[in-house]
Amino acid sequence: MRKVIIFHEHHNMSRSQVAQFAETKHAKLFLEGVRPDEAGTVSSELDYPVVPLEHNNLPVAMSPLVAADGTLRLNAFLWSVARRRKLTAANRFVVCEQETAALHHRMVTRELGSGRPLPKTQLKSTGRFLDTLAVSSAKATLSVGPFGTVFHDSLEGIREAGSEGIPPRHAESLRLLAGIATPTALEALERSIFSEIGLFFGSNYGFIPRFTHTMHYGAMTRIVPLIGSENPLSIYAIITGVLARLKELRDMYMAYSVVREGFERGVLDVGVEHALEGSRMLEIIQACGIEEHPHYLDKARF
């Protein structure tokens, strides 16, 4: 049976350390965040051959949506705080974001699982958390044409007037996104990637992965009309739904990138969300008969 040991970001290990570990185990090294056209350069830098987990085009298509997700989350939070007493949906969103921020705080301070009650999170601290998230998301798009600049520049307007609606600069970024991330473009990308994945798993393992997220890309056509409604919460729901489907497609492709390789032992370096039990990537890998083991510092064994 093929086996992989999974490293994830909570272990705070650099790529070079993971590569050294793979070399000691004579294992194939799989890296998240590396596209096929980058594999040669990364392999040279680590002095160990790398198998890329990313598709060449999918991260580029997702990046501006990730930025929009970050800025919209902040905009929607500030807008919902101002309307939580009048709108049930706004109040529900504020409560959910407060709980998310509290959980994040617990994870960062390593209190998760201690049995202590979640701390009460003030609206101001939740806003700061979301603001930091939005900045990080916007910075992720710096290599994708105008999106890095446009979304990042819209943050100041959101901080100042996000409770009133969708500030002009943010509206501009959303219109630009809607004009490029069209249903036609997203559907064509998914069809191209999924046909490759489906053919491989169907021919070699007798099953074709299915999507659990059903948001249709056609919802992207509603973004521009909704900008005029000054309701960022509605647009945020569309972006998160579309992004969830693309993230699932990415998980499927990452699993495909692992399974199609010939190896007895592998080392998989991925983000923690991909290493959690129940993730689509792990689900598919396990369905193909590959045994996975989490990495526990120096106790990992094949």
Protein backbone atom coordinates (compact mmCIF):
# COMPACT_ATOMS: atom_id res chain seq x y z
CA MET A 1 0.00 0.00 0.00
CA ARG A 2 1.24 3.50 -0.86
CA LYS A 3 1.69 5.82 2.09
CA VAL A 4 2.03 9.57 2.57
CA ILE A 5 3.03 11.58 5.61
CA ILE A 6 1.29 14.94 5.77
CA PHE A 7 2.97 18.08 7.02
CA HIS A 8 0.83 21.15 7.59
CA GLU A 9 1.32 24.75 8.56
CA HIS A 10 0.71 24.22 12.29
CA HIS A 11 4.09 22.51 12.50
CA ASN A 12 5.77 25.73 11.36
CA MET A 13 8.36 23.92 9.28
CA SER A 14 10.00 25.48 6.24
CA ARG A 15 9.96 23.84 2.83
CA SER A 16 13.66 23.09 3.14
CA GLN A 17 13.05 21.16 6.36
CA VAL A 18 10.25 19.18 4.75
CA ALA A 19 12.49 18.46 1.75
CA GLN A 20 15.24 17.23 4.06
CA PHE A 21 12.75 14.95 5.81
CA ALA A 22 11.57 13.56 2.44
CA GLU A 23 15.15 12.93 1.41
CA THR A 24 15.92 10.95 4.58
CA LYS A 25 12.87 8.78 3.85
CA HIS A 26 13.61 8.47 0.11
CA ALA A 27 10.07 9.74 -0.40
CA LYS A 28 8.40 11.67 -3.19
CA LEU A 29 7.80 15.30 -2.16
CA PHE A 30 4.47 17.00 -2.97
CA LEU A 31 4.17 20.77 -2.39
CA GLU A 32 1.07 22.94 -2.25
CA GLY A 33 1.49 26.35 -3.84
CA VAL A 34 3.76 25.11 -6.63
CA ARG A 35 2.53 25.04 -10.23
CA PRO A 36 3.99 22.76 -12.93
CA ASP A 37 5.80 25.66 -14.58
CA GLU A 38 7.50 26.46 -11.24
CA ALA A 39 8.51 22.90 -10.28
CA GLY A 40 11.96 23.04 -11.86
CA THR A 41 12.93 26.25 -10.07
CA VAL A 42 11.62 25.06 -6.69
CA SER A 43 13.35 21.69 -7.08
CA SER A 44 16.65 23.47 -7.72
CA GLU A 45 16.16 25.74 -4.71
CA LEU A 46 15.45 22.79 -2.40
CA ASP A 47 17.99 20.52 -4.07
CA TYR A 48 15.32 17.80 -4.13
CA PRO A 49 12.77 16.93 -6.84
CA VAL A 50 9.33 18.39 -6.22
CA VAL A 51 5.91 17.26 -7.48
CA PRO A 52 3.66 20.34 -7.90
CA LEU A 53 0.10 20.13 -6.56
CA GLU A 54 -1.35 23.20 -8.28
CA HIS A 55 -2.90 23.59 -11.69
CA ASN A 56 -1.23 26.25 -13.83
CA ASN A 57 -4.41 28.30 -14.39
CA LEU A 58 -6.71 27.63 -11.43
CA PRO A 59 -4.79 29.72 -8.83
CA VAL A 60 -4.76 32.67 -11.24
CA ALA A 61 -8.54 32.45 -11.67
CA MET A 62 -9.15 32.09 -7.93
CA SER A 63 -6.81 34.84 -6.75
CA PRO A 64 -9.02 37.89 -7.48
CA LEU A 65 -12.00 36.05 -6.00
CA VAL A 66 -9.99 35.47 -2.83
CA ALA A 67 -9.22 39.19 -2.68
CA ALA A 68 -12.88 40.07 -3.22
CA ASP A 69 -13.86 37.58 -0.51
CA GLY A 70 -11.53 39.31 1.96
CA THR A 71 -12.61 42.88 1.24
CA LEU A 72 -16.30 41.95 1.03
CA ARG A 73 -16.10 40.18 4.36
CA LEU A 74 -14.90 43.38 6.03
CA ASN A 75 -17.42 45.52 4.13
CA ALA A 76 -20.27 43.14 4.94
CA PHE A 77 -19.32 43.05 8.63
CA LEU A 78 -19.25 46.84 9.05
CA TRP A 79 -22.50 47.19 7.08
CA SER A 80 -24.19 44.45 9.12
CA VAL A 81 -23.11 45.97 12.44
CA ALA A 82 -24.94 49.18 11.46
CA ARG A 83 -28.09 47.24 10.54
CA ARG A 84 -28.13 44.32 12.95
CA ARG A 85 -31.14 45.65 14.91
CA LYS A 86 -33.28 45.95 11.78
CA LEU A 87 -32.16 43.03 9.61
CA THR A 88 -32.12 39.42 10.78
CA ALA A 89 -29.55 38.43 8.15
CA ALA A 90 -27.23 41.24 9.25
CA ASN A 91 -27.50 40.25 12.91
CA ARG A 92 -26.86 36.61 12.07
CA PHE A 93 -23.76 37.56 10.10
CA VAL A 94 -22.36 39.68 12.94
CA VAL A 95 -22.88 36.89 15.47
CA CYS A 96 -21.24 34.35 13.15
CA GLU A 97 -18.23 36.61 12.57
CA GLN A 98 -17.83 37.26 16.29
CA GLU A 99 -17.79 33.51 16.92
CA THR A 100 -15.28 33.00 14.10
CA ALA A 101 -12.97 35.68 15.48
CA ALA A 102 -13.23 34.18 18.97
CA LEU A 103 -12.40 30.72 17.64
CA HIS A 104 -9.46 32.14 15.70
CA HIS A 105 -8.21 33.79 18.88
CA ARG A 106 -8.45 30.50 20.73
CA MET A 107 -6.52 28.65 18.02
CA VAL A 108 -3.78 31.26 17.91
CA THR A 109 -3.36 31.21 21.70
CA ARG A 110 -3.51 27.39 21.73
CA GLU A 111 -6.50 27.26 24.03
CA LEU A 112 -8.60 25.21 21.64
CA GLY A 113 -9.74 21.98 23.28
CA SER A 114 -8.96 23.20 26.80
CA GLY A 115 -12.59 23.08 27.81
CA ARG A 116 -12.66 26.79 28.62
CA PRO A 117 -15.61 28.84 27.34
CA LEU A 118 -15.03 30.97 24.25
CA PRO A 119 -14.06 34.52 25.21
CA LYS A 120 -16.50 37.32 24.51
CA THR A 121 -15.29 39.18 21.45
CA GLN A 122 -16.01 42.88 21.07
CA LEU A 123 -17.15 44.24 17.72
CA LYS A 124 -14.03 46.40 17.47
CA SER A 125 -11.65 43.45 17.85
CA THR A 126 -13.69 41.42 15.35
CA GLY A 127 -13.41 44.29 12.89
CA ARG A 128 -9.63 44.41 13.35
CA PHE A 129 -9.41 40.67 12.71
CA LEU A 130 -11.42 40.98 9.50
CA ASP A 131 -9.44 44.03 8.44
CA THR A 132 -6.20 42.03 8.76
CA LEU A 133 -7.77 39.18 6.80
CA ALA A 134 -8.88 41.54 4.04
CA VAL A 135 -5.42 43.06 3.70
CA SER A 136 -3.86 39.58 3.49
CA SER A 137 -6.38 38.49 0.87
CA ALA A 138 -5.82 41.59 -1.22
CA LYS A 139 -2.06 41.18 -1.11
CA ALA A 140 -2.49 37.65 -2.49
CA THR A 141 -3.50 39.16 -5.84
CA LEU A 142 -0.47 41.33 -6.49
CA SER A 143 0.58 39.18 -9.45
CA VAL A 144 -2.82 39.28 -11.13
CA GLY A 145 -2.90 42.48 -13.14
CA PRO A 146 -4.88 45.31 -11.57
CA PHE A 147 -6.58 43.27 -8.88
CA GLY A 148 -3.89 43.60 -6.23
CA THR A 149 -3.87 47.38 -6.48
CA VAL A 150 -7.61 47.86 -6.88
CA PHE A 151 -8.73 45.63 -4.03
CA HIS A 152 -5.98 46.78 -1.70
CA ASP A 153 -6.72 50.43 -2.41
CA SER A 154 -10.43 49.88 -1.73
CA LEU A 155 -9.74 48.92 1.90
CA GLU A 156 -9.31 52.49 3.14
CA GLY A 157 -12.71 53.42 1.73
CA ILE A 158 -14.26 50.37 3.38
CA ARG A 159 -12.76 51.31 6.75
CA GLU A 160 -14.16 54.84 6.46
CA ALA A 161 -17.58 54.25 4.87
CA GLY A 162 -18.19 50.52 4.75
CA SER A 163 -21.06 50.77 7.26
CA GLU A 164 -22.99 52.95 4.78
CA GLY A 165 -22.83 50.58 1.82
CA ILE A 166 -20.25 49.76 -0.86
CA PRO A 167 -17.66 52.56 -1.18
CA PRO A 168 -16.91 53.76 -4.76
CA ARG A 169 -13.42 52.25 -4.96
CA HIS A 170 -14.70 48.89 -3.76
CA ALA A 171 -17.58 49.04 -6.23
CA GLU A 172 -15.01 49.64 -8.98
CA SER A 173 -13.03 46.56 -7.96
CA LEU A 174 -16.18 44.43 -7.94
CA ARG A 175 -17.22 45.62 -11.42
CA LEU A 176 -13.74 44.78 -12.70
CA LEU A 177 -14.00 41.32 -11.13
CA ALA A 178 -17.44 40.68 -12.65
CA GLY A 179 -16.11 41.62 -16.09
CA ILE A 180 -13.25 39.13 -15.95
CA ALA A 181 -14.48 36.24 -13.76
CA THR A 182 -17.45 35.61 -16.03
CA PRO A 183 -19.62 32.48 -15.89
CA THR A 184 -18.34 31.48 -19.33
CA ALA A 185 -14.68 31.73 -18.28
CA LEU A 186 -15.19 29.90 -14.98
CA GLU A 187 -17.30 27.15 -16.54
CA ALA A 188 -14.70 26.58 -19.28
CA LEU A 189 -11.90 26.33 -16.69
CA GLU A 190 -13.85 23.87 -14.55
CA ARG A 191 -14.82 21.77 -17.56
CA SER A 192 -11.20 21.55 -18.72
CA ILE A 193 -9.83 20.54 -15.33
CA PHE A 194 -12.67 18.25 -14.34
CA SER A 195 -12.64 16.34 -17.61
CA GLU A 196 -8.97 15.48 -17.00
CA ILE A 197 -9.64 14.49 -13.39
CA GLY A 198 -12.79 12.54 -14.16
CA LEU A 199 -11.19 10.54 -16.97
CA PHE A 200 -8.26 9.56 -14.75
CA PHE A 201 -10.25 8.45 -11.72
CA GLY A 202 -12.98 6.83 -13.79
CA SER A 203 -10.51 4.80 -15.85
CA ASN A 204 -8.15 3.84 -13.02
CA TYR A 205 -10.28 3.68 -9.89
CA GLY A 206 -13.86 3.23 -11.07
CA PHE A 207 -15.31 6.47 -9.64
CA ILE A 208 -15.64 10.09 -10.64
CA PRO A 209 -15.47 12.74 -7.87
CA ARG A 210 -18.65 14.73 -7.34
CA PHE A 211 -19.07 18.32 -6.20
CA THR A 212 -20.72 18.99 -2.86
CA HIS A 213 -20.91 22.76 -3.50
CA THR A 214 -23.64 23.54 -6.01
CA MET A 215 -23.31 27.32 -6.48
CA HIS A 216 -23.68 28.03 -10.20
CA TYR A 217 -21.18 30.39 -11.81
CA GLY A 218 -24.11 32.20 -13.39
CA ALA A 219 -24.57 33.95 -10.04
CA MET A 220 -21.61 36.17 -10.98
CA THR A 221 -23.93 38.08 -13.35
CA ARG A 222 -25.86 39.38 -10.31
CA ILE A 223 -22.88 41.23 -8.83
CA VAL A 224 -23.10 44.44 -10.86
CA PRO A 225 -26.87 44.93 -10.30
CA LEU A 226 -26.39 44.27 -6.58
CA ILE A 227 -23.72 46.98 -6.31
CA GLY A 228 -26.47 49.54 -6.77
CA SER A 229 -28.39 48.06 -3.83
CA GLU A 230 -25.55 49.06 -1.49
CA ASN A 231 -25.82 45.61 0.14
CA PRO A 232 -22.36 43.99 0.38
CA LEU A 233 -23.76 41.00 2.29
CA SER A 234 -25.61 39.72 -0.78
CA ILE A 235 -22.53 40.03 -2.99
CA TYR A 236 -20.38 38.38 -0.32
CA ALA A 237 -22.72 35.35 -0.35
CA ILE A 238 -22.24 34.98 -4.11
CA ILE A 239 -18.46 35.27 -3.97
CA THR A 240 -18.12 32.79 -1.10
CA GLY A 241 -20.35 30.30 -2.92
CA VAL A 242 -18.42 30.51 -6.19
CA LEU A 243 -15.11 30.39 -4.35
CA ALA A 244 -16.21 27.33 -2.36
CA ARG A 245 -16.83 25.43 -5.60
CA LEU A 246 -13.46 26.46 -7.02
CA LYS A 247 -11.73 25.46 -3.78
CA GLU A 248 -13.35 22.05 -4.04
CA LEU A 249 -12.16 21.74 -7.65
CA ARG A 250 -8.67 22.68 -6.43
CA ASP A 251 -8.81 19.99 -3.72
CA MET A 252 -9.79 17.43 -6.36
CA TYR A 253 -6.90 18.49 -8.58
CA MET A 254 -4.44 18.31 -5.67
CA ALA A 255 -5.59 14.77 -4.91
CA TYR A 256 -5.24 13.91 -8.61
CA SER A 257 -1.70 15.32 -8.61
CA VAL A 258 -0.79 12.92 -5.80
CA VAL A 259 -2.63 9.80 -6.92
CA ARG A 260 -1.39 9.83 -10.52
CA GLU A 261 2.26 9.69 -9.37
CA GLY A 262 4.03 6.39 -8.96
CA PHE A 263 5.50 6.10 -5.45
CA GLU A 264 5.62 3.89 -2.38
CA ARG A 265 6.30 6.66 0.13
CA GLY A 266 5.35 10.29 -0.16
CA VAL A 267 5.58 13.49 1.86
CA LEU A 268 2.73 15.95 1.43
CA ASP A 269 3.24 19.59 2.48
CA VAL A 270 -0.16 21.35 2.53
CA GLY A 271 -2.22 23.87 4.48
CA VAL A 272 -4.01 22.64 7.57
CA GLU A 273 -7.46 22.78 5.94
CA HIS A 274 -6.35 20.10 3.48
CA ALA A 275 -4.95 17.90 6.24
CA LEU A 276 -8.11 17.76 8.35
CA GLU A 277 -10.14 14.57 8.30
CA GLY A 278 -13.03 14.95 5.88
CA SER A 279 -11.24 17.27 3.45
CA ARG A 280 -11.99 16.50 -0.19
CA MET A 281 -8.30 16.00 -0.93
CA LEU A 282 -7.87 13.38 1.79
CA GLU A 283 -11.19 11.76 0.99
CA ILE A 284 -10.13 11.11 -2.61
CA ILE A 285 -6.61 10.02 -1.70
CA GLN A 286 -7.99 7.50 0.79
CA ALA A 287 -10.54 6.25 -1.74
CA CYS A 288 -7.63 5.37 -4.01
CA GLY A 289 -6.04 3.15 -1.36
CA ILE A 290 -3.31 5.53 -0.21
CA GLU A 291 -2.69 5.45 3.52
CA GLU A 292 -2.10 8.87 5.09
CA HIS A 293 -0.39 9.73 8.35
CA PRO A 294 -0.20 13.13 10.05
CA HIS A 295 3.30 14.28 10.93
CA TYR A 296 3.96 14.49 14.65
CA LEU A 297 7.28 16.29 14.92
CA ASP A 298 10.02 13.64 15.07
CA LYS A 299 7.68 10.70 15.58
CA ALA A 300 6.58 10.25 11.98
CA ARG A 301 7.04 6.72 10.71
CA PHE A 302 6.24 5.01 7.43
